[in-house]
Amino acid sequence: MPNIQSLSDFRQNATSMIKQVNETSSPLYLTQNGKSAAVVVSQEVWENTQKSLTMMRLLTILDSQAP
């Protein structure tokens, strides 16, 4: 079940919400005026995602150069 919170709630409870994100490695979805506004992820999840994207880009480049 996704963790969805309002931006107002996040402002009031940022420390505890960030702690939860870091402990669970699950994203926190923030809303503003009832609409999706942002996603908070842990530093570890962010770095792993960036590494995965880099690898996928490299594989795509290599695949496009294959005979």
C-alpha atoms as a PDB file:
ATOM      1  CA  MET A   1       0.000   0.000   0.000  1.00  0.00           C
ATOM      2  CA  PRO A   2       1.596   3.299  -1.023  1.00  0.00           C
ATOM      3  CA  ASN A   3       2.387   5.864   1.646  1.00  0.00           C
ATOM      4  CA  ILE A   4       0.611   9.061   0.566  1.00  0.00           C
ATOM      5  CA  GLN A   5       0.751  12.229   2.649  1.00  0.00           C
ATOM      6  CA  SER A   6      -0.093  15.859   2.102  1.00  0.00           C
ATOM      7  CA  LEU A   7       2.707  18.356   1.751  1.00  0.00           C
ATOM      8  CA  SER A   8       1.331  20.151   4.824  1.00  0.00           C
ATOM      9  CA  ASP A   9       1.621  16.966   6.907  1.00  0.00           C
ATOM     10  CA  PHE A  10       5.125  16.417   5.565  1.00  0.00           C
ATOM     11  CA  ARG A  11       6.177  19.917   6.627  1.00  0.00           C
ATOM     12  CA  GLN A  12       4.939  19.247  10.153  1.00  0.00           C
ATOM     13  CA  ASN A  13       6.408  15.739  10.441  1.00  0.00           C
ATOM     14  CA  ALA A  14       9.347  15.764   8.042  1.00  0.00           C
ATOM     15  CA  THR A  15      11.858  14.210  10.432  1.00  0.00           C
ATOM     16  CA  SER A  16       9.726  11.200  11.309  1.00  0.00           C
ATOM     17  CA  MET A  17       8.545  10.711   7.713  1.00  0.00           C
ATOM     18  CA  ILE A  18      12.096  10.788   6.373  1.00  0.00           C
ATOM     19  CA  LYS A  19      13.130   8.313   9.073  1.00  0.00           C
ATOM     20  CA  GLN A  20      10.343   5.977   7.929  1.00  0.00           C
ATOM     21  CA  VAL A  21      11.393   6.313   4.272  1.00  0.00           C
ATOM     22  CA  ASN A  22      14.977   5.445   5.207  1.00  0.00           C
ATOM     23  CA  GLU A  23      13.967   2.490   7.387  1.00  0.00           C
ATOM     24  CA  THR A  24      11.514   0.946   4.927  1.00  0.00           C
ATOM     25  CA  SER A  25      13.145   1.938   1.611  1.00  0.00           C
ATOM     26  CA  SER A  26       9.595   2.645   0.451  1.00  0.00           C
ATOM     27  CA  PRO A  27       8.755   5.901  -1.312  1.00  0.00           C
ATOM     28  CA  LEU A  28       6.599   8.595   0.245  1.00  0.00           C
ATOM     29  CA  TYR A  29       4.172  10.234  -2.174  1.00  0.00           C
ATOM     30  CA  LEU A  30       3.330  13.850  -1.410  1.00  0.00           C
ATOM     31  CA  THR A  31       0.204  15.661  -2.528  1.00  0.00           C
ATOM     32  CA  GLN A  32      -0.555  19.352  -2.788  1.00  0.00           C
ATOM     33  CA  ASN A  33      -4.147  20.507  -3.089  1.00  0.00           C
ATOM     34  CA  GLY A  34      -5.167  16.875  -3.536  1.00  0.00           C
ATOM     35  CA  LYS A  35      -2.868  16.311  -6.528  1.00  0.00           C
ATOM     36  CA  SER A  36       0.398  14.435  -6.795  1.00  0.00           C
ATOM     37  CA  ALA A  37       3.290  16.828  -6.136  1.00  0.00           C
ATOM     38  CA  ALA A  38       6.469  14.897  -5.299  1.00  0.00           C
ATOM     39  CA  VAL A  39       8.002  11.603  -4.257  1.00  0.00           C
ATOM     40  CA  VAL A  40      10.505  11.234  -1.409  1.00  0.00           C
ATOM     41  CA  VAL A  41      12.916   8.300  -1.517  1.00  0.00           C
ATOM     42  CA  SER A  42      15.941   7.382   0.568  1.00  0.00           C
ATOM     43  CA  GLN A  43      19.431   8.289  -0.614  1.00  0.00           C
ATOM     44  CA  GLU A  44      20.185   4.578  -1.060  1.00  0.00           C
ATOM     45  CA  VAL A  45      17.129   4.010  -3.250  1.00  0.00           C
ATOM     46  CA  TRP A  46      17.941   7.136  -5.279  1.00  0.00           C
ATOM     47  CA  GLU A  47      21.542   6.036  -5.891  1.00  0.00           C
ATOM     48  CA  ASN A  48      20.503   2.492  -6.840  1.00  0.00           C
ATOM     49  CA  THR A  49      17.892   3.853  -9.238  1.00  0.00           C
ATOM     50  CA  GLN A  50      20.444   6.138 -10.881  1.00  0.00           C
ATOM     51  CA  LYS A  51      22.901   3.247 -11.274  1.00  0.00           C
ATOM     52  CA  SER A  52      20.172   1.089 -12.828  1.00  0.00           C
ATOM     53  CA  LEU A  53      19.212   3.829 -15.264  1.00  0.00           C
ATOM     54  CA  THR A  54      22.837   4.310 -16.273  1.00  0.00           C
ATOM     55  CA  MET A  55      23.226   0.586 -16.910  1.00  0.00           C
ATOM     56  CA  MET A  56      20.022   0.497 -18.956  1.00  0.00           C
ATOM     57  CA  ARG A  57      21.208   3.442 -21.055  1.00  0.00           C
ATOM     58  CA  LEU A  58      24.550   1.757 -21.685  1.00  0.00           C
ATOM     59  CA  LEU A  59      22.860  -1.503 -22.654  1.00  0.00           C
ATOM     60  CA  THR A  60      20.572   0.372 -25.042  1.00  0.00           C
ATOM     61  CA  ILE A  61      23.568   2.042 -26.675  1.00  0.00           C
ATOM     62  CA  LEU A  62      25.421  -1.255 -26.966  1.00  0.00           C
ATOM     63  CA  ASP A  63      22.348  -2.996 -28.351  1.00  0.00           C
ATOM     64  CA  SER A  64      21.857  -0.320 -30.997  1.00  0.00           C
ATOM     65  CA  GLN A  65      25.461  -0.788 -32.140  1.00  0.00           C
ATOM     66  CA  ALA A  66      25.209  -4.581 -32.459  1.00  0.00           C
ATOM     67  CA  PRO A  67      25.260  -5.943 -36.020  1.00  0.00           C
END
